[in-house]
Amino acid sequence: MKERTRTNLTNHRMLQLNKHNFTAVILLIFFLSVGCTTKTVYHSYQSVKETGWDRKDTLFFSLPENIAPGKYKMEIGVRNSPEYLYKNIWISIGNNWEDSLQYKTDTLELNLTDEHGKWPYQGNISNFYQSVHLYTNVPELPQQQKRIIKIVHIMRKNPIQGIQDIGIKLTAY
């Protein structure tokens, strides 16, 4: 009789553990699915010519028409190699959101190194660095057919060497 009671008790405990494990797995799946959802509506990088980025080489980012009107957070990404000789890069960023024929522009200084001139981000195997910069002066995105963001460098030296890619990321608030 004692043997049967022990077996029943053990089976009951295992059943309880399985219920707890099942609940834990369901909760884990729920939190991972909620935590992994992103509000990114647009994310794109454009490569710069291998011969260098010339001031005439404007990068155009055409936003898809299915992006809803509204307020968005924008990040500007820069990928560079150690050949880039400066601690920062000056760019002009513009958009045609208010008038499709005219661009409203802004001038930005993007710091690529820390205050000591060291690259704050570790390069990957291919020896490139990536930095991401929050752009806070983003106008509200209107409903319109053709919405374009354009970026050009405005450094004194032209062309500049070592910039590989420039990117834009739009995220809903």
Protein backbone atom coordinates (compact mmCIF):
# COMPACT_ATOMS: atom_id res chain seq x y z
CA MET A 1 0.00 0.00 0.00
CA LYS A 2 2.84 2.36 0.85
CA GLU A 3 4.42 1.64 -2.52
CA ARG A 4 1.25 2.59 -4.38
CA THR A 5 0.85 5.79 -2.34
CA ARG A 6 4.43 6.82 -3.11
CA THR A 7 3.87 6.20 -6.82
CA ASN A 8 0.65 8.19 -6.84
CA LEU A 9 2.32 11.01 -4.92
CA THR A 10 5.27 11.03 -7.34
CA ASN A 11 2.96 11.04 -10.36
CA HIS A 12 0.94 13.87 -8.81
CA ARG A 13 4.10 15.95 -8.24
CA MET A 14 5.28 15.31 -11.81
CA LEU A 15 1.89 16.37 -13.11
CA GLN A 16 2.13 19.58 -11.06
CA LEU A 17 5.65 20.23 -12.41
CA ASN A 18 4.47 19.64 -15.96
CA LYS A 19 1.62 22.12 -15.44
CA HIS A 20 4.10 24.68 -14.07
CA ASN A 21 6.51 24.04 -16.95
CA PHE A 22 3.69 24.37 -19.46
CA THR A 23 2.58 27.66 -17.89
CA ALA A 24 6.17 28.91 -17.85
CA VAL A 25 6.65 28.02 -21.52
CA ILE A 26 3.41 29.76 -22.51
CA LEU A 27 4.42 32.89 -20.56
CA LEU A 28 7.88 32.82 -22.13
CA ILE A 29 6.41 32.58 -25.64
CA PHE A 30 4.02 35.43 -24.86
CA PHE A 31 6.73 37.74 -23.54
CA LEU A 32 9.07 36.92 -26.41
CA SER A 33 6.39 37.63 -28.99
CA VAL A 34 5.44 40.93 -27.32
CA GLY A 35 9.06 41.93 -26.72
CA CYS A 36 10.17 41.14 -30.25
CA THR A 37 7.51 43.14 -32.01
CA THR A 38 8.97 46.19 -33.65
CA LYS A 39 7.42 49.45 -34.65
CA THR A 40 9.93 49.98 -37.45
CA VAL A 41 8.15 51.02 -40.63
CA TYR A 42 11.20 51.72 -42.79
CA HIS A 43 14.85 50.71 -42.55
CA SER A 44 17.26 51.02 -45.46
CA TYR A 45 20.97 51.59 -46.10
CA GLN A 46 22.55 52.89 -49.29
CA SER A 47 26.14 52.27 -50.27
CA VAL A 48 28.54 55.03 -51.18
CA LYS A 49 30.83 54.70 -54.21
CA GLU A 50 34.09 52.87 -53.53
CA THR A 51 35.97 55.81 -55.03
CA GLY A 52 34.63 58.06 -52.26
CA TRP A 53 31.51 60.01 -51.41
CA ASP A 54 31.32 63.15 -53.54
CA ARG A 55 29.09 66.09 -52.59
CA LYS A 56 27.26 65.60 -55.88
CA ASP A 57 26.37 62.01 -54.91
CA THR A 58 23.09 62.64 -53.12
CA LEU A 59 21.52 59.60 -51.49
CA PHE A 60 17.76 59.38 -51.97
CA PHE A 61 15.51 57.28 -49.74
CA SER A 62 12.00 56.87 -51.22
CA LEU A 63 9.52 55.96 -48.52
CA PRO A 64 6.88 53.36 -49.39
CA GLU A 65 3.38 54.69 -49.94
CA ASN A 66 1.91 52.30 -47.37
CA ILE A 67 3.54 54.10 -44.42
CA ALA A 68 0.72 55.78 -42.52
CA PRO A 69 0.80 59.54 -41.88
CA GLY A 70 1.96 60.47 -38.40
CA LYS A 71 4.89 61.22 -36.13
CA TYR A 72 7.96 58.98 -36.36
CA LYS A 73 11.34 58.67 -34.69
CA MET A 74 14.23 58.74 -37.17
CA GLU A 75 17.71 57.31 -36.81
CA ILE A 76 20.57 57.91 -39.20
CA GLY A 77 23.11 55.12 -39.46
CA VAL A 78 26.69 55.53 -40.65
CA ARG A 79 28.99 52.65 -41.57
CA ASN A 80 32.61 53.58 -42.04
CA SER A 81 36.04 52.02 -42.30
CA PRO A 82 39.23 53.08 -40.50
CA GLU A 83 40.12 54.96 -43.72
CA TYR A 84 37.71 57.68 -42.64
CA LEU A 85 40.06 60.28 -41.16
CA TYR A 86 37.65 62.47 -39.21
CA LYS A 87 35.88 62.17 -35.88
CA ASN A 88 32.61 63.47 -37.30
CA ILE A 89 30.72 63.98 -40.49
CA TRP A 90 28.58 66.93 -41.48
CA ILE A 91 25.53 66.12 -43.56
CA SER A 92 22.55 67.90 -45.03
CA ILE A 93 19.32 65.97 -44.68
CA GLY A 94 16.19 67.04 -46.49
CA ASN A 95 12.66 65.90 -47.17
CA ASN A 96 9.89 66.90 -49.56
CA TRP A 97 7.05 66.15 -47.15
CA GLU A 98 5.53 69.64 -47.17
CA ASP A 99 5.96 70.35 -50.88
CA SER A 100 6.85 67.61 -53.36
CA LEU A 101 8.87 70.07 -55.46
CA GLN A 102 10.91 71.65 -52.63
CA TYR A 103 13.08 70.07 -49.96
CA LYS A 104 13.18 71.30 -46.39
CA THR A 105 16.78 70.74 -45.26
CA ASP A 106 18.62 70.55 -41.98
CA THR A 107 22.35 70.46 -41.23
CA LEU A 108 23.64 67.82 -38.83
CA GLU A 109 26.98 67.00 -37.27
CA LEU A 110 27.23 63.29 -36.55
CA ASN A 111 30.03 62.38 -34.14
CA LEU A 112 31.56 59.05 -35.11
CA THR A 113 34.25 58.83 -32.40
CA ASP A 114 34.33 59.44 -28.67
CA GLU A 115 35.84 62.61 -27.17
CA HIS A 116 39.36 61.08 -27.41
CA GLY A 117 39.07 60.28 -31.12
CA LYS A 118 38.59 56.54 -30.56
CA TRP A 119 35.97 54.58 -32.45
CA PRO A 120 33.39 53.77 -29.78
CA TYR A 121 31.99 50.81 -31.66
CA GLN A 122 33.98 47.68 -32.25
CA GLY A 123 34.58 46.88 -35.87
CA ASN A 124 33.34 43.56 -37.11
CA ILE A 125 35.45 41.01 -38.98
CA SER A 126 35.52 43.19 -42.09
CA ASN A 127 36.89 46.09 -39.98
CA PHE A 128 33.95 48.45 -40.38
CA TYR A 129 32.34 50.62 -37.72
CA GLN A 130 28.69 51.47 -37.38
CA SER A 131 27.10 54.29 -35.45
CA VAL A 132 23.47 55.29 -35.11
CA HIS A 133 22.32 58.85 -34.49
CA LEU A 134 18.88 59.99 -33.38
CA TYR A 135 17.46 62.78 -35.52
CA THR A 136 14.99 64.74 -33.40
CA ASN A 137 13.76 67.36 -35.88
CA VAL A 138 11.54 65.00 -37.87
CA PRO A 139 8.39 66.66 -39.22
CA GLU A 140 5.12 64.77 -39.16
CA LEU A 141 4.82 62.44 -42.11
CA PRO A 142 1.89 63.60 -44.28
CA GLN A 143 -0.30 61.53 -46.55
CA GLN A 144 1.20 61.99 -49.96
CA GLN A 145 2.28 59.87 -52.89
CA LYS A 146 6.02 60.57 -53.16
CA ARG A 147 7.90 61.09 -49.88
CA ILE A 148 11.65 61.30 -50.23
CA ILE A 149 14.52 61.84 -47.79
CA LYS A 150 17.80 62.99 -49.28
CA ILE A 151 21.23 63.06 -47.64
CA VAL A 152 24.45 64.62 -48.88
CA HIS A 153 27.72 65.25 -47.05
CA ILE A 154 28.86 68.84 -46.64
CA MET A 155 32.44 68.25 -45.54
CA ARG A 156 35.18 70.60 -46.80
CA LYS A 157 37.19 67.77 -48.31
CA ASN A 158 35.60 66.33 -51.40
CA PRO A 159 35.28 63.45 -52.08
CA ILE A 160 35.57 61.85 -48.66
CA GLN A 161 37.02 58.36 -48.25
CA GLY A 162 36.01 55.69 -45.75
CA ILE A 163 32.24 56.16 -45.56
CA GLN A 164 30.68 52.90 -46.72
CA ASP A 165 26.92 53.21 -46.15
CA ILE A 166 24.33 55.67 -44.89
CA GLY A 167 20.99 54.47 -43.56
CA ILE A 168 17.61 55.68 -42.39
CA LYS A 169 15.31 54.00 -39.88
CA LEU A 170 11.78 55.24 -39.16
CA THR A 171 10.03 53.91 -36.06
CA ALA A 172 6.50 54.71 -34.91
CA TYR A 173 6.15 56.27 -31.47
